[in-house]
N, C-alpha and C. Protein backbone atom coordinates (compact mmCIF):
# COMPACT_ATOMS: atom_id res chain seq x y z
N MET A 1 -7.19 -12.68 5.96
CA MET A 1 -6.00 -13.50 6.16
C MET A 1 -4.77 -12.64 5.87
N ILE A 2 -3.87 -12.60 6.81
CA ILE A 2 -2.67 -11.79 6.66
C ILE A 2 -1.59 -12.63 5.99
N SER A 3 -0.94 -12.01 5.01
CA SER A 3 0.04 -12.74 4.22
C SER A 3 1.32 -11.93 4.05
N ASP A 4 2.44 -12.62 4.06
CA ASP A 4 3.73 -11.98 3.77
C ASP A 4 4.02 -12.00 2.28
N GLN A 5 3.07 -12.44 1.48
CA GLN A 5 3.27 -12.52 0.04
C GLN A 5 3.60 -11.14 -0.51
N LEU A 6 4.60 -11.10 -1.41
CA LEU A 6 4.95 -9.85 -2.07
C LEU A 6 4.08 -9.68 -3.31
N ILE A 7 3.53 -8.48 -3.46
CA ILE A 7 2.73 -8.17 -4.64
C ILE A 7 3.36 -6.99 -5.36
N ASP A 8 3.11 -6.89 -6.65
CA ASP A 8 3.72 -5.81 -7.42
C ASP A 8 2.90 -4.52 -7.30
N GLU A 9 3.44 -3.44 -7.88
CA GLU A 9 2.79 -2.14 -7.80
C GLU A 9 1.39 -2.15 -8.39
N ARG A 10 1.23 -2.83 -9.50
CA ARG A 10 -0.07 -2.88 -10.17
C ARG A 10 -1.12 -3.52 -9.26
N GLN A 11 -0.75 -4.62 -8.62
CA GLN A 11 -1.67 -5.31 -7.71
C GLN A 11 -1.98 -4.44 -6.50
N ALA A 12 -0.96 -3.81 -5.93
CA ALA A 12 -1.16 -2.94 -4.76
C ALA A 12 -2.07 -1.78 -5.12
N ALA A 13 -1.84 -1.17 -6.27
CA ALA A 13 -2.67 -0.05 -6.71
C ALA A 13 -4.12 -0.49 -6.89
N ALA A 14 -4.34 -1.67 -7.45
CA ALA A 14 -5.70 -2.17 -7.65
C ALA A 14 -6.40 -2.38 -6.31
N ILE A 15 -5.70 -2.94 -5.34
CA ILE A 15 -6.29 -3.18 -4.01
C ILE A 15 -6.66 -1.85 -3.36
N LEU A 16 -5.79 -0.85 -3.51
CA LEU A 16 -6.01 0.45 -2.88
C LEU A 16 -6.92 1.37 -3.69
N GLY A 17 -7.23 0.98 -4.91
CA GLY A 17 -8.08 1.81 -5.76
C GLY A 17 -7.39 3.08 -6.22
N THR A 18 -6.11 2.97 -6.49
CA THR A 18 -5.32 4.12 -6.93
C THR A 18 -4.47 3.70 -8.12
N SER A 19 -3.62 4.59 -8.58
CA SER A 19 -2.76 4.26 -9.72
C SER A 19 -1.34 3.94 -9.25
N THR A 20 -0.58 3.31 -10.13
CA THR A 20 0.82 3.04 -9.80
C THR A 20 1.59 4.35 -9.68
N GLN A 21 1.20 5.37 -10.44
CA GLN A 21 1.86 6.68 -10.34
C GLN A 21 1.63 7.30 -8.96
N THR A 22 0.43 7.14 -8.42
CA THR A 22 0.15 7.64 -7.08
C THR A 22 1.04 6.94 -6.05
N LEU A 23 1.18 5.63 -6.17
CA LEU A 23 2.06 4.90 -5.25
C LEU A 23 3.49 5.41 -5.36
N SER A 24 3.93 5.67 -6.57
CA SER A 24 5.27 6.21 -6.79
C SER A 24 5.41 7.58 -6.12
N ASN A 25 4.39 8.41 -6.25
CA ASN A 25 4.42 9.72 -5.61
C ASN A 25 4.48 9.60 -4.10
N TRP A 26 3.70 8.69 -3.53
CA TRP A 26 3.71 8.48 -2.09
C TRP A 26 5.09 8.05 -1.62
N ARG A 27 5.75 7.17 -2.38
CA ARG A 27 7.09 6.71 -2.00
C ARG A 27 8.09 7.86 -2.03
N SER A 28 8.04 8.66 -3.08
CA SER A 28 9.05 9.71 -3.25
C SER A 28 8.84 10.89 -2.32
N THR A 29 7.59 11.18 -1.96
CA THR A 29 7.32 12.33 -1.09
C THR A 29 7.19 11.95 0.38
N GLY A 30 6.99 10.66 0.65
CA GLY A 30 6.79 10.23 2.03
C GLY A 30 5.42 10.64 2.57
N ARG A 31 4.49 10.94 1.68
CA ARG A 31 3.16 11.42 2.09
C ARG A 31 2.46 10.43 3.01
N TYR A 32 2.53 9.16 2.68
CA TYR A 32 1.94 8.12 3.52
C TYR A 32 3.03 7.11 3.84
N HIS A 33 2.93 6.54 5.05
CA HIS A 33 3.89 5.51 5.43
C HIS A 33 3.34 4.16 4.97
N LEU A 34 3.74 3.76 3.79
CA LEU A 34 3.35 2.47 3.23
C LEU A 34 4.65 1.74 2.89
N PRO A 35 5.07 0.82 3.78
CA PRO A 35 6.35 0.13 3.55
C PRO A 35 6.38 -0.59 2.21
N PHE A 36 7.55 -0.59 1.60
CA PHE A 36 7.74 -1.30 0.34
C PHE A 36 9.10 -1.96 0.33
N VAL A 37 9.28 -2.89 -0.58
CA VAL A 37 10.51 -3.66 -0.72
C VAL A 37 11.07 -3.40 -2.11
N LYS A 38 12.36 -3.09 -2.18
CA LYS A 38 13.03 -2.93 -3.47
C LYS A 38 13.76 -4.22 -3.79
N VAL A 39 13.49 -4.76 -4.95
CA VAL A 39 14.19 -5.94 -5.46
C VAL A 39 14.84 -5.48 -6.75
N GLY A 40 16.10 -5.05 -6.64
CA GLY A 40 16.73 -4.41 -7.79
C GLY A 40 15.99 -3.12 -8.07
N ARG A 41 15.49 -2.98 -9.29
CA ARG A 41 14.71 -1.79 -9.65
C ARG A 41 13.22 -1.98 -9.42
N LEU A 42 12.83 -3.19 -9.08
CA LEU A 42 11.41 -3.50 -8.89
C LEU A 42 10.94 -3.11 -7.49
N VAL A 43 9.72 -2.65 -7.41
CA VAL A 43 9.11 -2.30 -6.13
C VAL A 43 8.03 -3.33 -5.83
N ARG A 44 8.05 -3.83 -4.62
CA ARG A 44 7.05 -4.81 -4.18
C ARG A 44 6.49 -4.36 -2.83
N TYR A 45 5.29 -4.80 -2.56
CA TYR A 45 4.63 -4.52 -1.29
C TYR A 45 4.24 -5.83 -0.65
N ARG A 46 4.34 -5.90 0.69
CA ARG A 46 3.84 -7.07 1.40
C ARG A 46 2.33 -6.92 1.52
N GLN A 47 1.62 -7.99 1.25
CA GLN A 47 0.17 -7.94 1.32
C GLN A 47 -0.29 -7.50 2.72
N ARG A 48 0.39 -7.97 3.76
CA ARG A 48 -0.01 -7.60 5.12
C ARG A 48 0.16 -6.10 5.36
N ASP A 49 1.17 -5.48 4.73
CA ASP A 49 1.36 -4.03 4.88
C ASP A 49 0.24 -3.26 4.20
N ILE A 50 -0.23 -3.76 3.06
CA ILE A 50 -1.36 -3.13 2.37
C ILE A 50 -2.60 -3.23 3.25
N GLU A 51 -2.84 -4.41 3.82
CA GLU A 51 -4.01 -4.61 4.67
C GLU A 51 -3.94 -3.73 5.91
N LYS A 52 -2.75 -3.60 6.51
CA LYS A 52 -2.57 -2.74 7.69
C LYS A 52 -2.78 -1.28 7.31
N PHE A 53 -2.27 -0.87 6.16
CA PHE A 53 -2.44 0.51 5.69
C PHE A 53 -3.93 0.83 5.55
N ILE A 54 -4.69 -0.09 4.99
CA ILE A 54 -6.13 0.12 4.84
C ILE A 54 -6.79 0.23 6.22
N ALA A 55 -6.46 -0.68 7.12
CA ALA A 55 -7.05 -0.66 8.46
C ALA A 55 -6.69 0.62 9.21
N ASP A 56 -5.43 1.04 9.11
CA ASP A 56 -4.98 2.24 9.82
C ASP A 56 -5.59 3.52 9.27
N ASN A 57 -6.01 3.50 8.01
CA ASN A 57 -6.56 4.70 7.38
C ASN A 57 -8.07 4.63 7.18
N THR A 58 -8.70 3.66 7.82
CA THR A 58 -10.15 3.56 7.76
C THR A 58 -10.73 4.49 8.82
N VAL A 59 -11.63 5.36 8.38
CA VAL A 59 -12.24 6.34 9.26
C VAL A 59 -13.70 5.94 9.47
N GLY A 60 -14.10 5.92 10.74
CA GLY A 60 -15.48 5.57 11.05
C GLY A 60 -16.43 6.68 10.64
N SER A 61 -17.71 6.41 10.74
CA SER A 61 -18.73 7.38 10.34
C SER A 61 -18.87 8.51 11.35
N GLY A 62 -18.36 8.30 12.56
CA GLY A 62 -18.48 9.32 13.60
C GLY A 62 -19.78 9.22 14.38
N ARG A 63 -20.66 8.34 13.95
CA ARG A 63 -21.94 8.15 14.64
C ARG A 63 -21.82 7.00 15.63
N GLU A 64 -22.46 7.19 16.76
CA GLU A 64 -22.46 6.12 17.76
C GLU A 64 -23.84 5.88 18.27
């Protein structure tokens, strides 16, 4: 289910299996295109963007 719900860095990191520091590094270096929303000093992610990021970066086994 795709959702426009905003989630915090901790939740996004848990879904992606990474740390909040890694997400911070990705934002500052532009290593991955993972859209985020700034609310004052807070960083939020749209759940649908996290789901799209996972889908776009899923690699098949290469076997057919």
